[in-house]
Amino acid sequence: MAFWLTFDAAAIEAEEGAPGLDRVISGSPTFRTWNFEEADDGLYAGIWEATPGKWQISYDEWEYFHILSGHSIVTEDGGEAIQLKAGDSMVLRPGFNGTWEVIETTRKDYVIRV
């Protein structure tokens, strides 16, 4: 086993997905996820991409991410909208509830601790 990891989306096949229909507010968003790390201790890392739409999100996990491309808006329930574009980074902590809206197909890399 190597003690390093690169994020090469061409090296593995993406998993396809979408938010549950009960969470979708607008559009028909779809996801593609390239999971590069799925450690036994609950650490995950990879690349995630979503097409336009808006849905409710609720976090039980801790996540750091960096926007690689696109434009999204994350809004905490009762809070202000945060515009996210290429180069922006964010941490969402357990207990975060709100919405994720993809304005322009968005791709991010992420590290999640469950």
N, C-alpha and C. Protein backbone atom coordinates (compact mmCIF):
# COMPACT_ATOMS: atom_id res chain seq x y z
N MET A 1 0.83 -1.18 0.00
CA MET A 1 0.00 0.00 0.00
C MET A 1 0.88 1.25 0.00
N ALA A 2 0.54 2.19 -0.87
CA ALA A 2 1.26 3.46 -0.91
C ALA A 2 0.77 4.36 0.22
N PHE A 3 1.63 5.26 0.66
CA PHE A 3 1.26 6.20 1.70
C PHE A 3 0.93 7.58 1.13
N TRP A 4 0.49 7.61 -0.12
CA TRP A 4 0.05 8.82 -0.79
C TRP A 4 -1.11 8.45 -1.71
N LEU A 5 -1.83 9.45 -2.18
CA LEU A 5 -3.00 9.22 -3.01
C LEU A 5 -3.19 10.42 -3.93
N THR A 6 -3.43 10.16 -5.22
CA THR A 6 -3.75 11.23 -6.15
C THR A 6 -5.22 11.12 -6.54
N PHE A 7 -5.80 12.24 -6.92
CA PHE A 7 -7.19 12.29 -7.34
C PHE A 7 -7.22 12.35 -8.86
N ASP A 8 -7.35 11.20 -9.51
CA ASP A 8 -7.39 11.12 -10.96
C ASP A 8 -8.73 10.53 -11.37
N ALA A 9 -9.67 11.39 -11.76
CA ALA A 9 -11.02 10.95 -12.10
C ALA A 9 -11.04 10.02 -13.30
N ALA A 10 -10.02 10.08 -14.14
CA ALA A 10 -9.97 9.19 -15.31
C ALA A 10 -9.56 7.77 -14.91
N ALA A 11 -9.04 7.60 -13.70
CA ALA A 11 -8.51 6.30 -13.26
C ALA A 11 -9.60 5.36 -12.75
N ILE A 12 -10.75 5.91 -12.32
CA ILE A 12 -11.83 5.05 -11.81
C ILE A 12 -13.17 5.51 -12.39
N GLU A 13 -14.14 4.62 -12.33
CA GLU A 13 -15.47 4.94 -12.84
C GLU A 13 -16.27 5.70 -11.77
N ALA A 14 -16.99 6.71 -12.21
CA ALA A 14 -17.81 7.50 -11.27
C ALA A 14 -19.05 6.73 -10.87
N GLU A 15 -19.47 6.94 -9.62
CA GLU A 15 -20.76 6.44 -9.16
C GLU A 15 -21.80 7.50 -9.50
N GLU A 16 -22.94 7.07 -10.04
CA GLU A 16 -24.01 7.99 -10.41
C GLU A 16 -25.02 8.06 -9.27
N GLY A 17 -25.63 9.22 -9.07
CA GLY A 17 -26.62 9.35 -8.02
C GLY A 17 -27.43 10.62 -8.17
N ALA A 18 -28.28 10.87 -7.20
CA ALA A 18 -29.13 12.05 -7.16
C ALA A 18 -29.68 12.19 -5.74
N PRO A 19 -30.08 13.41 -5.37
CA PRO A 19 -30.72 13.53 -4.06
C PRO A 19 -32.07 12.82 -4.06
N GLY A 20 -32.51 12.38 -2.91
CA GLY A 20 -33.83 11.76 -2.81
C GLY A 20 -34.90 12.72 -3.29
N LEU A 21 -35.90 12.21 -3.98
CA LEU A 21 -36.96 13.05 -4.52
C LEU A 21 -37.65 13.89 -3.44
N ASP A 22 -37.69 13.38 -2.21
CA ASP A 22 -38.32 14.12 -1.12
C ASP A 22 -37.49 15.31 -0.67
N ARG A 23 -36.24 15.39 -1.12
CA ARG A 23 -35.36 16.51 -0.75
C ARG A 23 -35.23 17.54 -1.86
N VAL A 24 -35.63 17.20 -3.10
CA VAL A 24 -35.47 18.11 -4.24
C VAL A 24 -36.46 19.26 -4.14
N ILE A 25 -35.93 20.47 -4.27
CA ILE A 25 -36.75 21.69 -4.24
C ILE A 25 -37.03 22.16 -5.66
N SER A 26 -36.01 22.09 -6.53
CA SER A 26 -36.19 22.49 -7.93
C SER A 26 -35.19 21.77 -8.82
N GLY A 27 -35.54 21.66 -10.10
CA GLY A 27 -34.66 21.02 -11.07
C GLY A 27 -34.65 19.51 -10.94
N SER A 28 -33.71 18.90 -11.65
CA SER A 28 -33.50 17.45 -11.62
C SER A 28 -32.01 17.18 -11.46
N PRO A 29 -31.43 17.58 -10.32
CA PRO A 29 -29.99 17.43 -10.16
C PRO A 29 -29.55 15.97 -10.14
N THR A 30 -28.37 15.74 -10.73
CA THR A 30 -27.74 14.42 -10.68
C THR A 30 -26.31 14.58 -10.18
N PHE A 31 -25.78 13.51 -9.62
CA PHE A 31 -24.43 13.52 -9.06
C PHE A 31 -23.55 12.50 -9.77
N ARG A 32 -22.26 12.81 -9.78
CA ARG A 32 -21.22 11.83 -10.11
C ARG A 32 -20.18 11.95 -9.01
N THR A 33 -19.76 10.80 -8.47
CA THR A 33 -18.80 10.79 -7.37
C THR A 33 -17.68 9.82 -7.67
N TRP A 34 -16.45 10.29 -7.51
CA TRP A 34 -15.27 9.44 -7.64
C TRP A 34 -14.69 9.31 -6.23
N ASN A 35 -14.87 8.16 -5.59
CA ASN A 35 -14.35 7.91 -4.25
C ASN A 35 -12.95 7.32 -4.35
N PHE A 36 -11.97 8.06 -3.90
CA PHE A 36 -10.58 7.60 -3.96
C PHE A 36 -10.12 7.00 -2.64
N GLU A 37 -10.76 7.39 -1.56
CA GLU A 37 -10.38 6.89 -0.23
C GLU A 37 -11.64 6.57 0.55
N GLU A 38 -11.71 5.35 1.05
CA GLU A 38 -12.79 4.92 1.93
C GLU A 38 -12.15 4.11 3.05
N ALA A 39 -11.63 4.81 4.04
CA ALA A 39 -10.88 4.17 5.12
C ALA A 39 -11.83 3.57 6.16
N ASP A 40 -11.37 2.52 6.81
CA ASP A 40 -12.16 1.83 7.83
C ASP A 40 -12.54 2.73 9.00
N ASP A 41 -11.77 3.79 9.23
CA ASP A 41 -12.04 4.67 10.37
C ASP A 41 -13.03 5.79 10.05
N GLY A 42 -13.72 5.71 8.88
CA GLY A 42 -14.74 6.69 8.54
C GLY A 42 -14.23 7.92 7.82
N LEU A 43 -13.06 7.82 7.21
CA LEU A 43 -12.51 8.93 6.43
C LEU A 43 -12.75 8.64 4.95
N TYR A 44 -13.31 9.61 4.25
CA TYR A 44 -13.59 9.48 2.82
C TYR A 44 -12.99 10.68 2.09
N ALA A 45 -12.52 10.46 0.87
CA ALA A 45 -11.98 11.55 0.06
C ALA A 45 -12.24 11.25 -1.41
N GLY A 46 -12.50 12.31 -2.17
CA GLY A 46 -12.74 12.11 -3.59
C GLY A 46 -13.17 13.39 -4.28
N ILE A 47 -13.85 13.19 -5.41
CA ILE A 47 -14.37 14.29 -6.22
C ILE A 47 -15.86 14.06 -6.40
N TRP A 48 -16.63 15.12 -6.30
CA TRP A 48 -18.08 15.07 -6.45
C TRP A 48 -18.49 16.14 -7.46
N GLU A 49 -19.46 15.81 -8.30
CA GLU A 49 -19.96 16.75 -9.30
C GLU A 49 -21.47 16.69 -9.31
N ALA A 50 -22.12 17.85 -9.44
CA ALA A 50 -23.58 17.91 -9.47
C ALA A 50 -24.04 18.85 -10.57
N THR A 51 -25.18 18.48 -11.18
CA THR A 51 -25.80 19.31 -12.22
C THR A 51 -26.82 20.25 -11.57
N PRO A 52 -27.27 21.27 -12.30
CA PRO A 52 -28.16 22.28 -11.71
C PRO A 52 -29.43 21.72 -11.07
N GLY A 53 -29.79 22.38 -9.98
CA GLY A 53 -30.97 22.05 -9.20
C GLY A 53 -30.76 22.51 -7.78
N LYS A 54 -31.79 22.33 -6.95
CA LYS A 54 -31.71 22.74 -5.54
C LYS A 54 -32.34 21.66 -4.68
N TRP A 55 -31.69 21.33 -3.56
CA TRP A 55 -32.21 20.30 -2.68
C TRP A 55 -31.80 20.60 -1.24
N GLN A 56 -32.51 19.98 -0.32
CA GLN A 56 -32.22 20.13 1.11
C GLN A 56 -31.05 19.23 1.48
N ILE A 57 -30.20 19.73 2.38
CA ILE A 57 -29.07 18.94 2.88
C ILE A 57 -29.09 18.95 4.40
N SER A 58 -28.60 17.86 4.98
CA SER A 58 -28.50 17.71 6.42
C SER A 58 -27.24 16.90 6.69
N TYR A 59 -26.33 17.44 7.49
CA TYR A 59 -25.03 16.80 7.72
C TYR A 59 -24.93 16.15 9.09
N ASP A 60 -24.60 14.87 9.11
CA ASP A 60 -24.23 14.16 10.33
C ASP A 60 -22.72 14.04 10.42
N GLU A 61 -22.04 14.32 9.32
CA GLU A 61 -20.60 14.17 9.21
C GLU A 61 -19.93 15.54 9.11
N TRP A 62 -18.60 15.55 9.21
CA TRP A 62 -17.78 16.74 9.02
C TRP A 62 -17.21 16.65 7.61
N GLU A 63 -17.29 17.76 6.85
CA GLU A 63 -16.76 17.75 5.48
C GLU A 63 -16.03 19.04 5.17
N TYR A 64 -14.81 18.87 4.63
CA TYR A 64 -14.06 19.97 4.02
C TYR A 64 -14.16 19.76 2.52
N PHE A 65 -14.39 20.85 1.77
CA PHE A 65 -14.35 20.74 0.31
C PHE A 65 -13.78 21.99 -0.31
N HIS A 66 -13.32 21.82 -1.56
CA HIS A 66 -12.73 22.89 -2.36
C HIS A 66 -13.41 22.84 -3.72
N ILE A 67 -14.00 23.95 -4.15
CA ILE A 67 -14.71 24.01 -5.43
C ILE A 67 -13.69 24.08 -6.56
N LEU A 68 -13.77 23.12 -7.48
CA LEU A 68 -12.87 23.06 -8.63
C LEU A 68 -13.43 23.82 -9.83
N SER A 69 -14.76 23.75 -10.00
CA SER A 69 -15.40 24.46 -11.11
C SER A 69 -16.89 24.60 -10.83
N GLY A 70 -17.52 25.54 -11.53
CA GLY A 70 -18.95 25.74 -11.42
C GLY A 70 -19.33 26.82 -10.44
N HIS A 71 -20.63 26.85 -10.11
CA HIS A 71 -21.18 27.86 -9.21
C HIS A 71 -22.32 27.21 -8.44
N SER A 72 -22.23 27.25 -7.12
CA SER A 72 -23.27 26.74 -6.23
C SER A 72 -23.55 27.76 -5.14
N ILE A 73 -24.70 27.59 -4.49
CA ILE A 73 -25.07 28.42 -3.35
C ILE A 73 -25.47 27.48 -2.22
N VAL A 74 -24.81 27.63 -1.08
CA VAL A 74 -25.15 26.86 0.12
C VAL A 74 -25.78 27.82 1.12
N THR A 75 -26.93 27.44 1.65
CA THR A 75 -27.64 28.30 2.59
C THR A 75 -28.04 27.49 3.82
N GLU A 76 -27.58 27.93 4.99
CA GLU A 76 -27.99 27.28 6.23
C GLU A 76 -29.40 27.74 6.58
N ASP A 77 -30.22 26.83 7.11
CA ASP A 77 -31.57 27.20 7.53
C ASP A 77 -31.50 28.43 8.42
N GLY A 78 -32.22 29.49 8.04
CA GLY A 78 -32.23 30.72 8.82
C GLY A 78 -31.01 31.59 8.65
N GLY A 79 -30.08 31.19 7.74
CA GLY A 79 -28.84 31.94 7.54
C GLY A 79 -28.77 32.58 6.17
N GLU A 80 -27.62 33.17 5.90
CA GLU A 80 -27.42 33.84 4.62
C GLU A 80 -26.90 32.86 3.58
N ALA A 81 -27.16 33.18 2.30
CA ALA A 81 -26.67 32.36 1.19
C ALA A 81 -25.18 32.60 0.99
N ILE A 82 -24.43 31.52 0.78
CA ILE A 82 -22.99 31.61 0.54
C ILE A 82 -22.73 31.17 -0.89
N GLN A 83 -22.23 32.09 -1.70
CA GLN A 83 -21.90 31.81 -3.10
C GLN A 83 -20.57 31.04 -3.14
N LEU A 84 -20.53 29.95 -3.89
CA LEU A 84 -19.32 29.14 -4.02
C LEU A 84 -18.94 29.03 -5.48
N LYS A 85 -17.69 29.41 -5.79
CA LYS A 85 -17.17 29.32 -7.15
C LYS A 85 -15.77 28.73 -7.10
N ALA A 86 -15.21 28.43 -8.27
CA ALA A 86 -13.88 27.82 -8.35
C ALA A 86 -12.88 28.55 -7.45
N GLY A 87 -12.17 27.79 -6.63
CA GLY A 87 -11.18 28.34 -5.72
C GLY A 87 -11.68 28.49 -4.30
N ASP A 88 -13.00 28.45 -4.09
CA ASP A 88 -13.56 28.59 -2.75
C ASP A 88 -13.48 27.27 -1.99
N SER A 89 -13.32 27.38 -0.67
CA SER A 89 -13.29 26.22 0.22
C SER A 89 -14.26 26.44 1.36
N MET A 90 -14.73 25.34 1.94
CA MET A 90 -15.70 25.44 3.03
C MET A 90 -15.62 24.18 3.89
N VAL A 91 -16.01 24.32 5.15
CA VAL A 91 -16.22 23.19 6.04
C VAL A 91 -17.67 23.21 6.47
N LEU A 92 -18.36 22.08 6.33
CA LEU A 92 -19.70 21.89 6.86
C LEU A 92 -19.58 20.93 8.03
N ARG A 93 -20.12 21.32 9.17
CA ARG A 93 -19.98 20.53 10.39
C ARG A 93 -21.25 19.72 10.66
N PRO A 94 -21.11 18.67 11.48
CA PRO A 94 -22.31 17.92 11.86
C PRO A 94 -23.36 18.84 12.46
N GLY A 95 -24.60 18.63 12.05
CA GLY A 95 -25.70 19.46 12.51
C GLY A 95 -26.10 20.53 11.51
N PHE A 96 -25.29 20.71 10.44
CA PHE A 96 -25.65 21.69 9.41
C PHE A 96 -26.91 21.23 8.69
N ASN A 97 -27.88 22.12 8.58
CA ASN A 97 -29.11 21.87 7.83
C ASN A 97 -29.37 23.07 6.95
N GLY A 98 -29.74 22.81 5.70
CA GLY A 98 -30.00 23.91 4.79
C GLY A 98 -30.26 23.42 3.39
N THR A 99 -29.79 24.20 2.41
CA THR A 99 -29.97 23.83 1.00
C THR A 99 -28.66 23.96 0.24
N TRP A 100 -28.56 23.16 -0.81
CA TRP A 100 -27.47 23.26 -1.78
C TRP A 100 -28.14 23.52 -3.12
N GLU A 101 -27.75 24.61 -3.77
CA GLU A 101 -28.29 24.94 -5.08
C GLU A 101 -27.14 25.04 -6.08
N VAL A 102 -27.21 24.24 -7.12
CA VAL A 102 -26.21 24.28 -8.19
C VAL A 102 -26.75 25.19 -9.29
N ILE A 103 -26.06 26.29 -9.53
CA ILE A 103 -26.42 27.23 -10.58
C ILE A 103 -25.78 26.79 -11.90
N GLU A 104 -24.50 26.43 -11.82
CA GLU A 104 -23.72 25.93 -12.96
C GLU A 104 -23.05 24.64 -12.48
N THR A 105 -23.11 23.59 -13.29
CA THR A 105 -22.55 22.30 -12.88
C THR A 105 -21.29 22.52 -12.05
N THR A 106 -21.29 21.95 -10.86
CA THR A 106 -20.24 22.19 -9.87
C THR A 106 -19.46 20.91 -9.60
N ARG A 107 -18.15 21.05 -9.53
CA ARG A 107 -17.25 19.94 -9.18
C ARG A 107 -16.41 20.38 -8.00
N LYS A 108 -16.32 19.50 -6.99
CA LYS A 108 -15.51 19.79 -5.80
C LYS A 108 -14.70 18.56 -5.45
N ASP A 109 -13.57 18.79 -4.78
CA ASP A 109 -12.92 17.66 -4.12
C ASP A 109 -13.25 17.78 -2.63
N TYR A 110 -13.23 16.66 -1.93
CA TYR A 110 -13.72 16.66 -0.56
C TYR A 110 -12.96 15.68 0.30
N VAL A 111 -13.02 15.94 1.61
CA VAL A 111 -12.59 15.00 2.64
C VAL A 111 -13.70 14.99 3.68
N ILE A 112 -14.20 13.81 3.99
CA ILE A 112 -15.31 13.65 4.94
C ILE A 112 -14.85 12.76 6.09
N ARG A 113 -15.20 13.18 7.30
CA ARG A 113 -14.98 12.37 8.51
C ARG A 113 -16.34 12.06 9.09
N VAL A 114 -16.67 10.76 9.13
CA VAL A 114 -17.97 10.34 9.68
C VAL A 114 -17.85 10.18 11.17
